[in-house]
Amino acid sequence: MSPVPTFTGAPSWASVEDIRKQLNSICDDLNFFFTNLDSLNVKHLTADVIDAGTLNANLVKIRSDLTAGAFIQLDGNGLTVNNGTFDTFTVDINGNVTMTSATIQSQSAYPKVVMDPNNDLFGAYTSATNSIVVGAFNGGTGAPYLEWVNGSDNVSIDLTSGVYTVGGNSGAELRFPSGDLDLKGRDNFLFADNFTWVPDWNQIKDQNTNNTLQDEFDTFAIKGNPTSSDGGGSFNGGISPGTVLMVDGGGTVTWAGITIPAHSHTQQ
């Protein structure tokens, strides 16, 4: 049978029997044609709905054109989704999948895990303002970073020019340059370069007494500084003034004490 059967009419001299035979022949051809449609019979098809068990993409191409030059295409090379500029999703002939510029999230509601291509980050969110984020670009340092966000508070870790920095919106920092540890507080309290740096000793306080280190220093003697003047005066040296003392060889004297002038001493 040819791809499309040829139908001929009955001649003008045909009898009723001839017409009956011709009609039965046409019916047989039509039944065979519609039950055995294949690539020989169909070259172009326009339809609103096609119900099929299998569409062989090695032989056909299925394409849906979207806006701005974007499209979805299934053919013998696999599946392609294109945004009009580049392929955003492909499945090759080996079944390997590649996705570019794709937002992937565990669910639409919170809590959720999100891979966000617009911000180049991977984050876990309990809400819109509470998250842990791994990002490729810190706007402040230009370095990859790890950030914790809790409402209006945030702490981030990044590596810039060989220096690990832990900082947040409070202004405090924890830095690790060249193997050393820098610990910086908002008020310039800093562990760095084998020293501990503080603005002044009033920044160190005893939690039990509430005294600052400066308070304690104020109670200490300072090496090299003179003591305060004693004001001078009379000292008895252990013998009360007016005491009458015997003199060797006879006679007596009266002890009046010793007068020492005002003076100070250098503290050692």
C-alpha atoms as a PDB file:
ATOM      1  CA  MET A   1       0.000   0.000   0.000  1.00  0.00           C
ATOM      2  CA  SER A   2       1.282   3.496  -0.871  1.00  0.00           C
ATOM      3  CA  PRO A   3       1.668   6.163   1.870  1.00  0.00           C
ATOM      4  CA  VAL A   4      -1.584   7.793   0.725  1.00  0.00           C
ATOM      5  CA  PRO A   5      -4.071   5.444  -0.993  1.00  0.00           C
ATOM      6  CA  THR A   6      -5.432   6.391  -4.406  1.00  0.00           C
ATOM      7  CA  PHE A   7      -9.202   6.580  -4.647  1.00  0.00           C
ATOM      8  CA  THR A   8     -10.973   6.327  -8.025  1.00  0.00           C
ATOM      9  CA  GLY A   9     -14.581   6.826  -8.802  1.00  0.00           C
ATOM     10  CA  ALA A  10     -16.970   4.373 -10.498  1.00  0.00           C
ATOM     11  CA  PRO A  11     -17.477   4.718 -14.286  1.00  0.00           C
ATOM     12  CA  SER A  12     -20.752   6.067 -15.632  1.00  0.00           C
ATOM     13  CA  TRP A  13     -21.713   2.661 -16.958  1.00  0.00           C
ATOM     14  CA  ALA A  14     -21.078   0.935 -13.591  1.00  0.00           C
ATOM     15  CA  SER A  15     -23.793  -1.289 -12.297  1.00  0.00           C
ATOM     16  CA  VAL A  16     -25.048  -1.331  -8.745  1.00  0.00           C
ATOM     17  CA  GLU A  17     -22.756  -4.292  -8.054  1.00  0.00           C
ATOM     18  CA  ASP A  18     -19.774  -2.358  -9.450  1.00  0.00           C
ATOM     19  CA  ILE A  19     -20.561   0.583  -7.165  1.00  0.00           C
ATOM     20  CA  ARG A  20     -20.929  -1.764  -4.167  1.00  0.00           C
ATOM     21  CA  LYS A  21     -17.505  -3.305  -4.837  1.00  0.00           C
ATOM     22  CA  GLN A  22     -15.886   0.115  -5.334  1.00  0.00           C
ATOM     23  CA  LEU A  23     -17.361   1.417  -2.048  1.00  0.00           C
ATOM     24  CA  ASN A  24     -16.162  -1.658  -0.118  1.00  0.00           C
ATOM     25  CA  SER A  25     -12.663  -1.224  -1.594  1.00  0.00           C
ATOM     26  CA  ILE A  26     -12.544   2.427  -0.493  1.00  0.00           C
ATOM     27  CA  CYS A  27     -13.687   1.459   3.016  1.00  0.00           C
ATOM     28  CA  ASP A  28     -10.951  -1.202   3.253  1.00  0.00           C
ATOM     29  CA  ASP A  29      -8.313   1.302   2.148  1.00  0.00           C
ATOM     30  CA  LEU A  30      -9.493   3.921   4.636  1.00  0.00           C
ATOM     31  CA  ASN A  31      -9.589   1.436   7.531  1.00  0.00           C
ATOM     32  CA  PHE A  32      -6.033   0.312   6.779  1.00  0.00           C
ATOM     33  CA  PHE A  33      -4.780   3.889   6.343  1.00  0.00           C
ATOM     34  CA  PHE A  34      -6.144   5.254   9.632  1.00  0.00           C
ATOM     35  CA  THR A  35      -5.009   2.255  11.673  1.00  0.00           C
ATOM     36  CA  ASN A  36      -1.465   2.287  10.258  1.00  0.00           C
ATOM     37  CA  LEU A  37      -0.376   5.953  10.201  1.00  0.00           C
ATOM     38  CA  ASP A  38       3.478   6.307  10.230  1.00  0.00           C
ATOM     39  CA  SER A  39       6.250   8.565   8.939  1.00  0.00           C
ATOM     40  CA  LEU A  40       5.347   7.591   5.370  1.00  0.00           C
ATOM     41  CA  ASN A  41       1.848   8.944   5.817  1.00  0.00           C
ATOM     42  CA  VAL A  42       2.483  12.127   7.906  1.00  0.00           C
ATOM     43  CA  LYS A  43       4.840  14.956   6.831  1.00  0.00           C
ATOM     44  CA  HIS A  44       3.185  17.876   8.604  1.00  0.00           C
ATOM     45  CA  LEU A  45       0.666  17.800  11.441  1.00  0.00           C
ATOM     46  CA  THR A  46      -1.297  20.615  13.054  1.00  0.00           C
ATOM     47  CA  ALA A  47      -3.372  19.706  16.085  1.00  0.00           C
ATOM     48  CA  ASP A  48      -4.616  21.135  19.370  1.00  0.00           C
ATOM     49  CA  VAL A  49      -4.069  17.888  21.314  1.00  0.00           C
ATOM     50  CA  ILE A  50      -1.966  14.827  20.556  1.00  0.00           C
ATOM     51  CA  ASP A  51      -2.404  11.751  22.736  1.00  0.00           C
ATOM     52  CA  ALA A  52       0.506   9.362  22.312  1.00  0.00           C
ATOM     53  CA  GLY A  53       2.323   6.647  24.181  1.00  0.00           C
ATOM     54  CA  THR A  54       5.808   7.510  22.853  1.00  0.00           C
ATOM     55  CA  LEU A  55       7.239  10.407  20.863  1.00  0.00           C
ATOM     56  CA  ASN A  56      10.652   9.517  19.447  1.00  0.00           C
ATOM     57  CA  ALA A  57      12.774  12.672  19.886  1.00  0.00           C
ATOM     58  CA  ASN A  58      15.505  11.197  17.692  1.00  0.00           C
ATOM     59  CA  LEU A  59      13.137  11.621  14.773  1.00  0.00           C
ATOM     60  CA  VAL A  60      11.155  14.705  15.792  1.00  0.00           C
ATOM     61  CA  LYS A  61      11.901  18.067  17.459  1.00  0.00           C
ATOM     62  CA  ILE A  62       9.596  19.551  20.092  1.00  0.00           C
ATOM     63  CA  ARG A  63      10.109  23.278  20.653  1.00  0.00           C
ATOM     64  CA  SER A  64       8.268  25.986  22.547  1.00  0.00           C
ATOM     65  CA  ASP A  65       9.290  29.579  21.831  1.00  0.00           C
ATOM     66  CA  LEU A  66       9.103  31.904  24.837  1.00  0.00           C
ATOM     67  CA  THR A  67       9.547  35.681  25.167  1.00  0.00           C
ATOM     68  CA  ALA A  68      12.735  37.631  24.313  1.00  0.00           C
ATOM     69  CA  GLY A  69      14.190  34.795  22.271  1.00  0.00           C
ATOM     70  CA  ALA A  70      13.955  32.209  25.058  1.00  0.00           C
ATOM     71  CA  PHE A  71      12.856  28.679  24.215  1.00  0.00           C
ATOM     72  CA  ILE A  72      12.459  25.094  25.408  1.00  0.00           C
ATOM     73  CA  GLN A  73      13.546  22.363  23.010  1.00  0.00           C
ATOM     74  CA  LEU A  74      13.575  18.568  23.037  1.00  0.00           C
ATOM     75  CA  ASP A  75      15.308  16.737  20.208  1.00  0.00           C
ATOM     76  CA  GLY A  76      17.850  14.023  19.477  1.00  0.00           C
ATOM     77  CA  ASN A  77      20.549  15.999  21.330  1.00  0.00           C
ATOM     78  CA  GLY A  78      18.597  16.113  24.597  1.00  0.00           C
ATOM     79  CA  LEU A  79      16.626  18.802  26.399  1.00  0.00           C
ATOM     80  CA  THR A  80      17.557  22.502  26.328  1.00  0.00           C
ATOM     81  CA  VAL A  81      16.108  25.527  28.112  1.00  0.00           C
ATOM     82  CA  ASN A  82      17.518  28.842  26.887  1.00  0.00           C
ATOM     83  CA  ASN A  83      16.822  32.333  28.286  1.00  0.00           C
ATOM     84  CA  GLY A  84      17.500  34.072  24.981  1.00  0.00           C
ATOM     85  CA  THR A  85      21.205  34.551  25.764  1.00  0.00           C
ATOM     86  CA  PHE A  86      22.542  31.239  27.071  1.00  0.00           C
ATOM     87  CA  ASP A  87      21.379  27.751  28.022  1.00  0.00           C
ATOM     88  CA  THR A  88      20.076  27.731  31.593  1.00  0.00           C
ATOM     89  CA  PHE A  89      19.194  24.015  31.706  1.00  0.00           C
ATOM     90  CA  THR A  90      20.465  21.129  29.579  1.00  0.00           C
ATOM     91  CA  VAL A  91      20.186  17.355  29.608  1.00  0.00           C
ATOM     92  CA  ASP A  92      22.691  15.848  27.168  1.00  0.00           C
ATOM     93  CA  ILE A  93      22.497  12.523  25.329  1.00  0.00           C
ATOM     94  CA  ASN A  94      24.209  10.831  28.293  1.00  0.00           C
ATOM     95  CA  GLY A  95      21.600  12.077  30.737  1.00  0.00           C
ATOM     96  CA  ASN A  96      23.951  14.575  32.413  1.00  0.00           C
ATOM     97  CA  VAL A  97      22.234  17.719  33.718  1.00  0.00           C
ATOM     98  CA  THR A  98      23.717  21.226  33.747  1.00  0.00           C
ATOM     99  CA  MET A  99      21.908  24.188  35.319  1.00  0.00           C
ATOM    100  CA  THR A 100      23.025  27.817  35.109  1.00  0.00           C
ATOM    101  CA  SER A 101      21.301  30.834  36.684  1.00  0.00           C
ATOM    102  CA  ALA A 102      18.860  28.566  38.512  1.00  0.00           C
ATOM    103  CA  THR A 103      17.268  29.281  41.881  1.00  0.00           C
ATOM    104  CA  ILE A 104      17.022  26.055  43.867  1.00  0.00           C
ATOM    105  CA  GLN A 105      15.172  25.940  47.190  1.00  0.00           C
ATOM    106  CA  SER A 106      13.995  23.163  49.441  1.00  0.00           C
ATOM    107  CA  GLN A 107      10.520  24.689  49.709  1.00  0.00           C
ATOM    108  CA  SER A 108       8.719  27.992  49.155  1.00  0.00           C
ATOM    109  CA  ALA A 109       8.029  28.652  52.856  1.00  0.00           C
ATOM    110  CA  TYR A 110      10.408  28.959  55.823  1.00  0.00           C
ATOM    111  CA  PRO A 111      12.542  27.253  57.007  1.00  0.00           C
ATOM    112  CA  LYS A 112      14.284  26.525  53.732  1.00  0.00           C
ATOM    113  CA  VAL A 113      17.648  26.093  52.046  1.00  0.00           C
ATOM    114  CA  VAL A 114      18.271  28.251  48.958  1.00  0.00           C
ATOM    115  CA  MET A 115      20.867  28.380  46.192  1.00  0.00           C
ATOM    116  CA  ASP A 116      20.554  31.928  44.844  1.00  0.00           C
ATOM    117  CA  PRO A 117      22.333  32.727  41.520  1.00  0.00           C
ATOM    118  CA  ASN A 118      21.401  36.422  41.627  1.00  0.00           C
ATOM    119  CA  ASN A 119      23.482  36.998  44.779  1.00  0.00           C
ATOM    120  CA  ASP A 120      25.989  34.147  44.273  1.00  0.00           C
ATOM    121  CA  LEU A 121      25.228  32.574  47.621  1.00  0.00           C
ATOM    122  CA  PHE A 122      24.002  29.436  49.357  1.00  0.00           C
ATOM    123  CA  GLY A 123      21.916  30.005  52.474  1.00  0.00           C
ATOM    124  CA  ALA A 124      19.830  28.314  55.147  1.00  0.00           C
ATOM    125  CA  TYR A 125      16.920  30.460  56.368  1.00  0.00           C
ATOM    126  CA  THR A 126      14.585  30.130  59.345  1.00  0.00           C
ATOM    127  CA  SER A 127      12.966  33.424  58.284  1.00  0.00           C
ATOM    128  CA  ALA A 128      13.705  36.353  55.984  1.00  0.00           C
ATOM    129  CA  THR A 129      15.864  37.960  58.719  1.00  0.00           C
ATOM    130  CA  ASN A 130      17.451  34.875  60.305  1.00  0.00           C
ATOM    131  CA  SER A 131      19.946  32.911  58.243  1.00  0.00           C
ATOM    132  CA  ILE A 132      23.373  31.400  57.697  1.00  0.00           C
ATOM    133  CA  VAL A 133      24.831  32.322  54.307  1.00  0.00           C
ATOM    134  CA  VAL A 134      27.890  31.237  52.315  1.00  0.00           C
ATOM    135  CA  GLY A 135      28.605  33.890  49.689  1.00  0.00           C
ATOM    136  CA  ALA A 136      31.126  34.334  46.875  1.00  0.00           C
ATOM    137  CA  PHE A 137      31.507  38.114  47.156  1.00  0.00           C
ATOM    138  CA  ASN A 138      31.496  40.343  50.249  1.00  0.00           C
ATOM    139  CA  GLY A 139      30.510  43.864  49.197  1.00  0.00           C
ATOM    140  CA  GLY A 140      32.843  45.374  51.792  1.00  0.00           C
ATOM    141  CA  THR A 141      35.987  43.295  51.201  1.00  0.00           C
ATOM    142  CA  GLY A 142      35.329  41.644  47.831  1.00  0.00           C
ATOM    143  CA  ALA A 143      36.170  38.255  49.341  1.00  0.00           C
ATOM    144  CA  PRO A 144      34.183  35.016  49.841  1.00  0.00           C
ATOM    145  CA  TYR A 145      32.448  35.039  53.210  1.00  0.00           C
ATOM    146  CA  LEU A 146      30.359  33.189  55.782  1.00  0.00           C
ATOM    147  CA  GLU A 147      27.652  35.249  57.495  1.00  0.00           C
ATOM    148  CA  TRP A 148      25.223  34.754  60.369  1.00  0.00           C
ATOM    149  CA  VAL A 149      22.177  37.067  60.456  1.00  0.00           C
ATOM    150  CA  ASN A 150      19.827  37.401  63.420  1.00  0.00           C
ATOM    151  CA  GLY A 151      17.404  40.229  62.835  1.00  0.00           C
ATOM    152  CA  SER A 152      19.364  43.490  62.731  1.00  0.00           C
ATOM    153  CA  ASP A 153      22.562  41.817  64.026  1.00  0.00           C
ATOM    154  CA  ASN A 154      25.059  40.090  61.808  1.00  0.00           C
ATOM    155  CA  VAL A 155      28.508  38.476  62.057  1.00  0.00           C
ATOM    156  CA  SER A 156      30.602  37.543  59.031  1.00  0.00           C
ATOM    157  CA  ILE A 157      33.904  35.763  58.358  1.00  0.00           C
ATOM    158  CA  ASP A 158      36.006  36.394  55.272  1.00  0.00           C
ATOM    159  CA  LEU A 159      39.604  36.149  54.040  1.00  0.00           C
ATOM    160  CA  THR A 160      41.215  39.210  52.439  1.00  0.00           C
ATOM    161  CA  SER A 161      44.920  39.552  51.571  1.00  0.00           C
ATOM    162  CA  GLY A 162      45.875  36.670  53.837  1.00  0.00           C
ATOM    163  CA  VAL A 163      43.883  38.017  56.802  1.00  0.00           C
ATOM    164  CA  TYR A 164      40.896  36.189  58.233  1.00  0.00           C
ATOM    165  CA  THR A 165      38.392  38.686  59.621  1.00  0.00           C
ATOM    166  CA  VAL A 166      35.411  38.016  61.863  1.00  0.00           C
ATOM    167  CA  GLY A 167      33.271  41.134  62.133  1.00  0.00           C
ATOM    168  CA  GLY A 168      29.740  42.376  62.526  1.00  0.00           C
ATOM    169  CA  ASN A 169      27.609  45.484  62.578  1.00  0.00           C
ATOM    170  CA  SER A 170      28.630  46.071  66.233  1.00  0.00           C
ATOM    171  CA  GLY A 171      32.097  47.144  65.053  1.00  0.00           C
ATOM    172  CA  ALA A 172      33.957  44.332  66.860  1.00  0.00           C
ATOM    173  CA  GLU A 173      36.462  42.265  64.906  1.00  0.00           C
ATOM    174  CA  LEU A 174      38.443  39.064  65.296  1.00  0.00           C
ATOM    175  CA  ARG A 175      41.380  38.951  62.872  1.00  0.00           C
ATOM    176  CA  PHE A 176      44.013  36.294  62.105  1.00  0.00           C
ATOM    177  CA  PRO A 177      46.844  37.923  60.100  1.00  0.00           C
ATOM    178  CA  SER A 178      49.878  35.812  59.145  1.00  0.00           C
ATOM    179  CA  GLY A 179      49.203  33.247  61.847  1.00  0.00           C
ATOM    180  CA  ASP A 180      48.791  35.840  64.639  1.00  0.00           C
ATOM    181  CA  LEU A 181      45.568  36.632  66.455  1.00  0.00           C
ATOM    182  CA  ASP A 182      44.039  40.094  66.422  1.00  0.00           C
ATOM    183  CA  LEU A 183      41.035  40.559  68.684  1.00  0.00           C
ATOM    184  CA  LYS A 184      39.489  43.994  68.306  1.00  0.00           C
ATOM    185  CA  GLY A 185      36.572  45.383  70.288  1.00  0.00           C
ATOM    186  CA  ARG A 186      34.265  48.225  69.350  1.00  0.00           C
ATOM    187  CA  ASP A 187      36.155  50.557  71.752  1.00  0.00           C
ATOM    188  CA  ASN A 188      39.591  49.662  70.317  1.00  0.00           C
ATOM    189  CA  PHE A 189      40.416  46.856  72.703  1.00  0.00           C
ATOM    190  CA  LEU A 190      42.927  44.873  70.642  1.00  0.00           C
ATOM    191  CA  PHE A 191      45.071  41.756  70.944  1.00  0.00           C
ATOM    192  CA  ALA A 192      47.677  42.073  68.187  1.00  0.00           C
ATOM    193  CA  ASP A 193      51.360  41.695  67.368  1.00  0.00           C
ATOM    194  CA  ASN A 194      52.113  39.891  70.661  1.00  0.00           C
ATOM    195  CA  PHE A 195      50.711  42.844  72.634  1.00  0.00           C
ATOM    196  CA  THR A 196      47.413  43.717  74.244  1.00  0.00           C
ATOM    197  CA  TRP A 197      46.316  47.209  73.278  1.00  0.00           C
ATOM    198  CA  VAL A 198      43.720  49.205  75.262  1.00  0.00           C
ATOM    199  CA  PRO A 199      42.809  52.915  75.048  1.00  0.00           C
ATOM    200  CA  ASP A 200      43.633  53.337  78.766  1.00  0.00           C
ATOM    201  CA  TRP A 201      43.723  51.262  81.943  1.00  0.00           C
ATOM    202  CA  ASN A 202      40.158  52.287  82.770  1.00  0.00           C
ATOM    203  CA  GLN A 203      39.081  49.815  80.048  1.00  0.00           C
ATOM    204  CA  ILE A 204      40.103  46.846  82.231  1.00  0.00           C
ATOM    205  CA  LYS A 205      37.789  46.227  85.171  1.00  0.00           C
ATOM    206  CA  ASP A 206      37.615  43.706  88.007  1.00  0.00           C
ATOM    207  CA  GLN A 207      34.229  42.016  87.779  1.00  0.00           C
ATOM    208  CA  ASN A 208      34.149  41.271  91.528  1.00  0.00           C
ATOM    209  CA  THR A 209      35.182  44.689  92.890  1.00  0.00           C
ATOM    210  CA  ASN A 210      34.119  46.844  89.923  1.00  0.00           C
ATOM    211  CA  ASN A 211      37.506  48.579  90.217  1.00  0.00           C
ATOM    212  CA  THR A 212      39.414  49.441  87.075  1.00  0.00           C
ATOM    213  CA  LEU A 213      43.073  48.620  86.680  1.00  0.00           C
ATOM    214  CA  GLN A 214      43.764  52.354  86.910  1.00  0.00           C
ATOM    215  CA  ASP A 215      42.035  52.381  90.307  1.00  0.00           C
ATOM    216  CA  GLU A 216      44.479  49.715  91.448  1.00  0.00           C
ATOM    217  CA  PHE A 217      47.465  51.525  89.961  1.00  0.00           C
ATOM    218  CA  ASP A 218      46.503  54.669  91.854  1.00  0.00           C
ATOM    219  CA  THR A 219      47.087  52.783  95.116  1.00  0.00           C
ATOM    220  CA  PHE A 220      50.619  51.697  94.152  1.00  0.00           C
ATOM    221  CA  ALA A 221      53.944  53.464  94.605  1.00  0.00           C
ATOM    222  CA  ILE A 222      55.513  54.633  91.369  1.00  0.00           C
ATOM    223  CA  LYS A 223      59.197  53.849  90.872  1.00  0.00           C
ATOM    224  CA  GLY A 224      61.408  56.963  90.530  1.00  0.00           C
ATOM    225  CA  ASN A 225      58.798  59.367  91.912  1.00  0.00           C
ATOM    226  CA  PRO A 226      59.547  61.025  95.309  1.00  0.00           C
ATOM    227  CA  THR A 227      57.420  60.322  98.303  1.00  0.00           C
ATOM    228  CA  SER A 228      55.361  63.154  99.726  1.00  0.00           C
ATOM    229  CA  SER A 229      57.047  65.418 102.300  1.00  0.00           C
ATOM    230  CA  ASP A 230      56.733  64.321 105.920  1.00  0.00           C
ATOM    231  CA  GLY A 231      56.369  67.930 106.956  1.00  0.00           C
ATOM    232  CA  GLY A 232      59.332  67.843 109.376  1.00  0.00           C
ATOM    233  CA  GLY A 233      59.091  67.995 113.186  1.00  0.00           C
ATOM    234  CA  SER A 234      60.538  66.597 116.368  1.00  0.00           C
ATOM    235  CA  PHE A 235      61.005  62.871 116.850  1.00  0.00           C
ATOM    236  CA  ASN A 236      61.834  61.312 120.204  1.00  0.00           C
ATOM    237  CA  GLY A 237      63.823  58.379 118.865  1.00  0.00           C
ATOM    238  CA  GLY A 238      62.164  56.188 121.488  1.00  0.00           C
ATOM    239  CA  ILE A 239      62.950  58.425 124.519  1.00  0.00           C
ATOM    240  CA  SER A 240      60.356  60.889 125.687  1.00  0.00           C
ATOM    241  CA  PRO A 241      61.568  64.514 125.611  1.00  0.00           C
ATOM    242  CA  GLY A 242      62.326  65.837 129.164  1.00  0.00           C
ATOM    243  CA  THR A 243      63.770  62.575 130.370  1.00  0.00           C
ATOM    244  CA  VAL A 244      66.807  63.154 132.638  1.00  0.00           C
ATOM    245  CA  LEU A 245      69.729  60.936 131.692  1.00  0.00           C
ATOM    246  CA  MET A 246      72.825  60.062 133.766  1.00  0.00           C
ATOM    247  CA  VAL A 247      76.182  61.034 132.260  1.00  0.00           C
ATOM    248  CA  ASP A 248      79.177  58.720 132.463  1.00  0.00           C
ATOM    249  CA  GLY A 249      81.581  60.261 134.981  1.00  0.00           C
ATOM    250  CA  GLY A 250      78.823  61.995 136.878  1.00  0.00           C
ATOM    251  CA  GLY A 251      76.118  64.496 136.378  1.00  0.00           C
ATOM    252  CA  THR A 252      72.904  64.469 134.341  1.00  0.00           C
ATOM    253  CA  VAL A 253      71.426  65.789 131.051  1.00  0.00           C
ATOM    254  CA  THR A 254      67.840  66.297 129.968  1.00  0.00           C
ATOM    255  CA  TRP A 255      66.727  64.663 126.604  1.00  0.00           C
ATOM    256  CA  ALA A 256      64.961  67.201 124.383  1.00  0.00           C
ATOM    257  CA  GLY A 257      64.453  64.935 121.312  1.00  0.00           C
ATOM    258  CA  ILE A 258      65.742  65.280 117.731  1.00  0.00           C
ATOM    259  CA  THR A 259      64.329  67.749 115.176  1.00  0.00           C
ATOM    260  CA  ILE A 260      64.322  66.366 111.549  1.00  0.00           C
ATOM    261  CA  PRO A 261      63.533  68.825 108.716  1.00  0.00           C
ATOM    262  CA  ALA A 262      60.801  68.153 106.138  1.00  0.00           C
ATOM    263  CA  HIS A 263      62.015  65.796 103.379  1.00  0.00           C
ATOM    264  CA  SER A 264      61.006  63.029 100.876  1.00  0.00           C
ATOM    265  CA  HIS A 265      62.551  59.845  99.467  1.00  0.00           C
ATOM    266  CA  THR A 266      62.860  58.514  95.901  1.00  0.00           C
ATOM    267  CA  GLN A 267      60.737  55.371  95.454  1.00  0.00           C
ATOM    268  CA  GLN A 268      62.662  52.271  94.383  1.00  0.00           C
END
